[in-house]
Structures are given as structure tokens and as C-alpha cells.
Amino acid sequence: MIDFNGTTGEMSLTGKSIFFEKDHFWDGLFIWYMGYLRNPKDKTVLNIDLEYFNTQTSSRLMSLLKMTRFLEKKGLALEVNWTCYDRDEDQLELIELFENATKIKINVKHAFTTQKFVA
């Protein structure tokens, strides 16, 4: 689920994200977000709560965070919250990589999946 609200400045990505190289979904999202960045709220909150995402989504998330860094450079408040499921070490490393690459502080919330797997 994508809920990017230009009126409140709260942006949320929730669920599972499996995109492929030729998917154009992110193009539309980036175009909308660039419009928001031209006239942003005083505070923007980006919530990332993805139980699962693939490498292509990871690349798009990095692009989104790089775009978001503009807000801090402009002197506006920014809060990035990322829910990490099941203490996934790979995801924690990726979050750290994103922080280092973008210089954005990412608040990590730990959660556990509630889905029951039956073999």
C-alpha cells in the first residue's frame, strides 16, 4: 500500500513490494514526489513498513531516500521510520547502508511477522 499525502506531509509504504526492472509504477510515484518536493510541508514523515521487498524495490527505495534528503538540505524537518521484521540482519545492514549513503537518520522499529507458515 502506498499512501503519500501531500496535505499532511506523511508518506507511507506498507506491505510487500516485488517489482521488476521494467515496472513503471515507481516512475509515477517519483513524478508525484518531485512535485511534492517543490512545495513540501514544514515536516515530512516517511514511514517504510515493508515485510518483504526485492532488490529492485531496494534500488527504488535508495532513490526515494536520496530525493528526500533535499528536505534536510532545505532546512525542513524530516523523519524517516523503518519497520524491520524479525530482526532481519540483511535488512538492518541495508538500512545502515542507506543511512550512510544518504546521510539521513533512519529510526528503526523492530517488529515480528504474525503470519503463520504451514508446511
Protein backbone atom coordinates (compact mmCIF):
# COMPACT_ATOMS: atom_id res chain seq x y z
CA MET A 1 0.00 0.00 0.00
CA ILE A 2 1.22 3.45 -0.88
CA ASP A 3 -0.20 6.45 0.98
CA PHE A 4 1.68 9.64 0.09
CA ASN A 5 -0.28 12.57 1.49
CA GLY A 6 0.85 15.96 0.24
CA THR A 7 -1.59 17.74 2.56
CA THR A 8 -0.15 16.31 5.79
CA GLY A 9 3.39 15.56 4.62
CA GLU A 10 3.10 11.94 5.75
CA MET A 11 4.26 9.30 3.30
CA SER A 12 3.83 5.56 3.90
CA LEU A 13 4.92 2.41 2.08
CA THR A 14 3.37 -0.69 3.64
CA GLY A 15 3.17 -4.41 2.82
CA LYS A 16 5.26 -6.38 0.34
CA SER A 17 6.99 -4.96 -2.72
CA ILE A 18 8.06 -7.13 -5.62
CA PHE A 19 8.85 -5.08 -8.68
CA PHE A 20 10.90 -5.82 -11.74
CA GLU A 21 13.20 -3.78 -13.98
CA LYS A 22 10.52 -2.76 -16.47
CA ASP A 23 7.82 -1.87 -13.94
CA HIS A 24 6.72 1.74 -14.37
CA PHE A 25 4.96 2.01 -11.01
CA TRP A 26 7.85 3.85 -9.38
CA ASP A 27 8.09 6.35 -12.26
CA GLY A 28 4.65 7.73 -11.41
CA LEU A 29 5.43 7.78 -7.70
CA PHE A 30 8.69 9.67 -8.28
CA ILE A 31 6.98 12.22 -10.54
CA TRP A 32 4.35 12.87 -7.84
CA TYR A 33 7.03 13.07 -5.13
CA MET A 34 9.15 15.55 -7.12
CA GLY A 35 6.04 17.73 -7.31
CA TYR A 36 5.64 17.47 -3.55
CA LEU A 37 9.28 18.41 -3.02
CA ARG A 38 8.72 21.67 -4.92
CA ASN A 39 6.26 22.76 -2.23
CA PRO A 40 6.75 20.49 0.81
CA LYS A 41 5.29 20.77 4.28
CA ASP A 42 7.46 22.08 7.12
CA LYS A 43 7.81 18.47 8.29
CA THR A 44 7.77 15.35 6.17
CA VAL A 45 7.42 11.89 7.67
CA LEU A 46 8.37 8.86 5.59
CA ASN A 47 7.24 5.51 7.02
CA ILE A 48 8.60 2.35 5.42
CA ASP A 49 6.89 -0.79 6.68
CA LEU A 50 7.70 -3.47 4.13
CA GLU A 51 7.50 -7.03 5.37
CA TYR A 52 9.28 -8.12 2.20
CA PHE A 53 10.88 -6.37 -0.77
CA ASN A 54 13.17 -7.45 -3.59
CA THR A 55 16.40 -5.97 -4.94
CA GLN A 56 14.61 -3.80 -7.49
CA THR A 57 12.50 -2.25 -4.75
CA SER A 58 15.64 -1.71 -2.69
CA SER A 59 17.11 0.33 -5.53
CA ARG A 60 13.92 2.42 -5.77
CA LEU A 61 13.95 2.99 -2.01
CA MET A 62 17.50 4.32 -2.24
CA SER A 63 16.39 6.73 -4.97
CA LEU A 64 13.44 7.84 -2.84
CA LEU A 65 15.71 8.50 0.14
CA LYS A 66 18.17 10.45 -1.99
CA MET A 67 15.30 12.63 -3.20
CA THR A 68 14.09 13.03 0.38
CA ARG A 69 17.50 14.29 1.53
CA PHE A 70 16.66 17.52 -0.33
CA LEU A 71 14.26 18.42 2.50
CA GLU A 72 17.01 18.49 5.13
CA LYS A 73 19.26 20.49 2.82
CA LYS A 74 16.41 22.99 2.53
CA GLY A 75 16.25 23.20 6.36
CA LEU A 76 12.92 21.41 6.71
CA ALA A 77 12.12 18.75 9.30
CA LEU A 78 12.35 15.15 8.17
CA GLU A 79 11.53 11.94 10.00
CA VAL A 80 12.19 8.55 8.41
CA ASN A 81 10.81 5.50 10.20
CA TRP A 82 11.56 1.97 9.00
CA THR A 83 9.94 -1.16 10.41
CA CYS A 84 12.35 -4.10 10.32
CA TYR A 85 10.75 -7.54 10.67
CA ASP A 86 12.13 -10.48 12.63
CA ARG A 87 15.48 -8.79 13.31
CA ASP A 88 16.43 -9.39 9.68
CA GLU A 89 20.19 -8.79 9.66
CA ASP A 90 20.27 -8.23 5.90
CA GLN A 91 17.61 -5.55 6.18
CA LEU A 92 19.39 -3.91 9.11
CA GLU A 93 22.60 -3.79 7.05
CA LEU A 94 20.67 -2.29 4.14
CA ILE A 95 19.18 0.40 6.40
CA GLU A 96 22.68 1.24 7.62
CA LEU A 97 23.89 1.42 4.02
CA PHE A 98 21.01 3.76 3.17
CA GLU A 99 21.84 5.96 6.16
CA ASN A 100 25.49 6.18 5.18
CA ALA A 101 24.76 6.85 1.51
CA THR A 102 22.08 9.49 2.10
CA LYS A 103 23.20 10.97 5.45
CA ILE A 104 19.60 10.66 6.65
CA LYS A 105 18.87 9.34 10.14
CA ILE A 106 16.52 6.36 9.90
CA ASN A 107 14.57 5.36 13.01
CA VAL A 108 14.31 1.56 13.13
CA LYS A 109 11.32 -0.12 14.74
CA HIS A 110 11.57 -3.87 15.29
CA ALA A 111 8.52 -6.00 14.66
CA PHE A 112 7.72 -9.64 14.18
CA THR A 113 5.68 -11.18 11.42
CA THR A 114 2.41 -12.61 12.58
CA GLN A 115 1.91 -14.76 9.53
CA LYS A 116 1.81 -18.49 10.28
CA PHE A 117 3.58 -20.72 7.81
CA VAL A 118 2.21 -24.21 7.27
CA ALA A 119 4.32 -26.86 5.52
